[in-house]
Amino acid sequence: MQHTNNQDTLVGLFVAAGIVGLFFLAMHVSNLSSFVEEDSYTITARFENSGGLKVKSPVSAAGVKIGKVSSISFDPKTYESVVQMSIDSKYNTMPDDTTASIFTAGLLGEQYVNLEPGGSETYLKADGKIEITQSAIILEKAIGQFLFKSAEEKK
């Protein structure tokens, strides 16, 4: 009987470890893995269309995550999407002529902001603004334009 209790205990510990592992995996996939706020500064970019970008979406440069989207709002005067990004303070040498684009990552279609550094010798500071942006490509809009163009050519 003692042998079965030890086996039950080991199986229970194994299942508990599996549940903890799944919890951390879910947190990592949903971008909630960083509970601690790191030292950062905020920059803003305006997009004609922010697509499916979400708060906490990654911000990357050269394929490296350097921050996250902190807020997305709509400007009723310019009809643009205003995206605020929180950039880790260790990446404080982004030139002020940096461009921002919204890309889609992987098969699941998670969108992120990619920053492409310019050549300026002055850097973006806290509350800086990125002037040159490229909006998200909306798949439905692109397909619609393709189909419309195909129909026009057949006439």
Protein backbone atom coordinates (compact mmCIF):
# COMPACT_ATOMS: atom_id res chain seq x y z
CA MET A 1 0.00 0.00 0.00
CA GLN A 2 2.93 2.37 0.74
CA HIS A 3 4.22 1.95 -2.84
CA THR A 4 0.89 3.17 -4.31
CA ASN A 5 0.85 6.30 -2.11
CA ASN A 6 4.33 7.26 -3.31
CA GLN A 7 3.26 6.72 -6.90
CA ASP A 8 0.11 8.82 -6.37
CA THR A 9 2.17 11.60 -4.83
CA LEU A 10 4.63 11.61 -7.74
CA VAL A 11 1.79 11.67 -10.29
CA GLY A 12 0.14 14.53 -8.39
CA LEU A 13 3.39 16.52 -8.36
CA PHE A 14 3.88 15.85 -12.07
CA VAL A 15 0.35 17.07 -12.88
CA ALA A 16 0.81 20.18 -10.68
CA ALA A 17 4.11 20.97 -12.45
CA GLY A 18 2.35 20.58 -15.81
CA ILE A 19 -0.41 23.00 -14.78
CA VAL A 20 2.17 25.57 -13.61
CA GLY A 21 4.04 25.16 -16.91
CA LEU A 22 0.86 25.70 -18.93
CA PHE A 23 0.08 28.82 -16.87
CA PHE A 24 3.47 30.37 -17.64
CA LEU A 25 3.16 29.40 -21.31
CA ALA A 26 -0.26 31.07 -21.51
CA MET A 27 1.11 34.21 -19.84
CA HIS A 28 4.02 34.35 -22.28
CA VAL A 29 1.81 33.86 -25.35
CA SER A 30 -0.63 36.56 -24.23
CA ASN A 31 2.18 39.11 -23.60
CA LEU A 32 1.37 39.27 -19.88
CA SER A 33 4.61 37.65 -18.79
CA SER A 34 6.19 40.85 -17.51
CA PHE A 35 4.46 41.74 -14.27
CA VAL A 36 7.20 44.18 -13.30
CA GLU A 37 7.19 47.55 -15.06
CA GLU A 38 10.65 48.25 -16.36
CA ASP A 39 12.08 51.76 -16.68
CA SER A 40 10.79 53.13 -19.98
CA TYR A 41 9.90 56.22 -21.98
CA THR A 42 6.86 56.92 -24.16
CA ILE A 43 6.81 57.81 -27.86
CA THR A 44 3.80 58.41 -30.11
CA ALA A 45 3.04 57.58 -33.74
CA ARG A 46 -0.05 58.35 -35.83
CA PHE A 47 -1.36 55.82 -38.32
CA GLU A 48 -4.06 56.10 -40.95
CA ASN A 49 -5.21 52.64 -39.84
CA SER A 50 -3.84 50.64 -36.91
CA GLY A 51 -5.56 47.43 -38.05
CA GLY A 52 -5.69 44.74 -35.37
CA LEU A 53 -2.97 46.28 -33.21
CA LYS A 54 -3.70 45.87 -29.50
CA VAL A 55 -2.48 47.34 -26.24
CA LYS A 56 0.54 45.28 -25.08
CA SER A 57 1.43 44.34 -28.67
CA PRO A 58 5.21 44.20 -29.10
CA VAL A 59 7.30 47.04 -30.48
CA SER A 60 10.46 45.80 -32.16
CA ALA A 61 13.53 47.09 -33.98
CA ALA A 62 15.68 44.78 -36.10
CA GLY A 63 13.59 41.84 -34.89
CA VAL A 64 14.28 42.52 -31.20
CA LYS A 65 11.46 43.44 -28.83
CA ILE A 66 12.28 46.86 -27.39
CA GLY A 67 8.92 47.81 -25.92
CA LYS A 68 5.16 47.47 -26.12
CA VAL A 69 2.09 49.41 -27.19
CA SER A 70 0.74 51.24 -24.14
CA SER A 71 -2.40 52.83 -25.62
CA ILE A 72 -4.34 53.23 -28.86
CA SER A 73 -6.81 56.06 -29.36
CA PHE A 74 -8.71 57.83 -32.15
CA ASP A 75 -8.10 61.49 -32.99
CA PRO A 76 -11.48 62.93 -34.08
CA LYS A 77 -9.80 65.96 -35.71
CA THR A 78 -7.38 64.15 -38.01
CA TYR A 79 -9.28 60.80 -38.16
CA GLU A 80 -6.08 58.96 -37.33
CA SER A 81 -5.17 56.24 -34.89
CA VAL A 82 -2.79 57.53 -32.20
CA VAL A 83 -0.51 54.78 -30.88
CA GLN A 84 1.55 55.36 -27.73
CA MET A 85 4.49 53.03 -27.23
CA SER A 86 6.45 52.36 -24.07
CA ILE A 87 10.10 51.78 -25.03
CA ASP A 88 12.61 50.25 -22.58
CA SER A 89 14.98 52.99 -21.41
CA LYS A 90 18.05 50.95 -22.39
CA TYR A 91 17.02 51.59 -26.02
CA ASN A 92 17.20 55.38 -25.76
CA THR A 93 19.28 55.91 -28.89
CA MET A 94 16.53 55.71 -31.51
CA PRO A 95 17.10 58.53 -34.06
CA ASP A 96 14.33 61.14 -34.27
CA ASP A 97 13.75 60.30 -37.96
CA THR A 98 12.84 56.70 -37.13
CA THR A 99 9.91 55.26 -39.11
CA ALA A 100 7.14 53.09 -37.66
CA SER A 101 5.25 50.37 -39.54
CA ILE A 102 2.58 47.91 -38.46
CA PHE A 103 3.37 44.33 -39.50
CA THR A 104 1.76 40.95 -38.97
CA ALA A 105 3.76 38.22 -37.23
CA GLY A 106 3.35 34.53 -37.89
CA LEU A 107 0.36 32.47 -38.89
CA LEU A 108 -1.84 33.64 -36.02
CA GLY A 109 -1.76 37.18 -37.37
CA GLU A 110 -0.61 39.01 -34.24
CA GLN A 111 0.26 42.56 -35.23
CA TYR A 112 3.21 44.52 -33.92
CA VAL A 113 4.95 47.85 -34.49
CA ASN A 114 8.34 47.73 -36.20
CA LEU A 115 10.66 50.71 -35.79
CA GLU A 116 13.20 51.35 -38.53
CA PRO A 117 15.96 53.70 -37.34
CA GLY A 118 16.85 56.66 -39.54
CA GLY A 119 20.20 58.41 -39.90
CA SER A 120 19.70 61.42 -37.65
CA GLU A 121 22.21 62.14 -34.91
CA THR A 122 19.54 63.43 -32.51
CA TYR A 123 17.49 60.88 -30.59
CA LEU A 124 13.82 60.45 -29.75
CA LYS A 125 13.17 61.61 -26.21
CA ALA A 126 10.31 60.95 -23.78
CA ASP A 127 6.98 62.04 -25.34
CA GLY A 128 8.67 62.17 -28.75
CA LYS A 129 6.69 61.73 -31.95
CA ILE A 130 7.44 59.53 -34.94
CA GLU A 131 6.45 61.45 -38.06
CA ILE A 132 6.85 58.81 -40.79
CA THR A 133 4.50 55.86 -40.43
CA GLN A 134 3.13 53.04 -42.55
CA SER A 135 -0.31 51.71 -41.63
CA ALA A 136 -1.33 48.10 -41.34
CA ILE A 137 -2.20 46.29 -44.54
CA ILE A 138 -5.85 45.30 -44.30
CA LEU A 139 -6.23 41.95 -46.04
CA GLU A 140 -9.92 42.44 -46.86
CA LYS A 141 -9.21 45.83 -48.47
CA ALA A 142 -6.33 44.41 -50.54
CA ILE A 143 -8.46 41.49 -51.77
CA GLY A 144 -11.30 43.88 -52.61
CA GLN A 145 -8.99 46.09 -54.66
CA PHE A 146 -7.59 43.05 -56.49
CA LEU A 147 -11.07 41.75 -57.32
CA PHE A 148 -12.27 45.21 -58.41
CA LYS A 149 -9.22 45.62 -60.65
CA SER A 150 -9.80 42.15 -62.15
CA ALA A 151 -13.45 43.02 -62.89
CA GLU A 152 -12.42 46.31 -64.54
CA GLU A 153 -9.91 44.52 -66.79
CA LYS A 154 -12.58 42.05 -67.99
CA LYS A 155 -14.86 44.84 -69.24
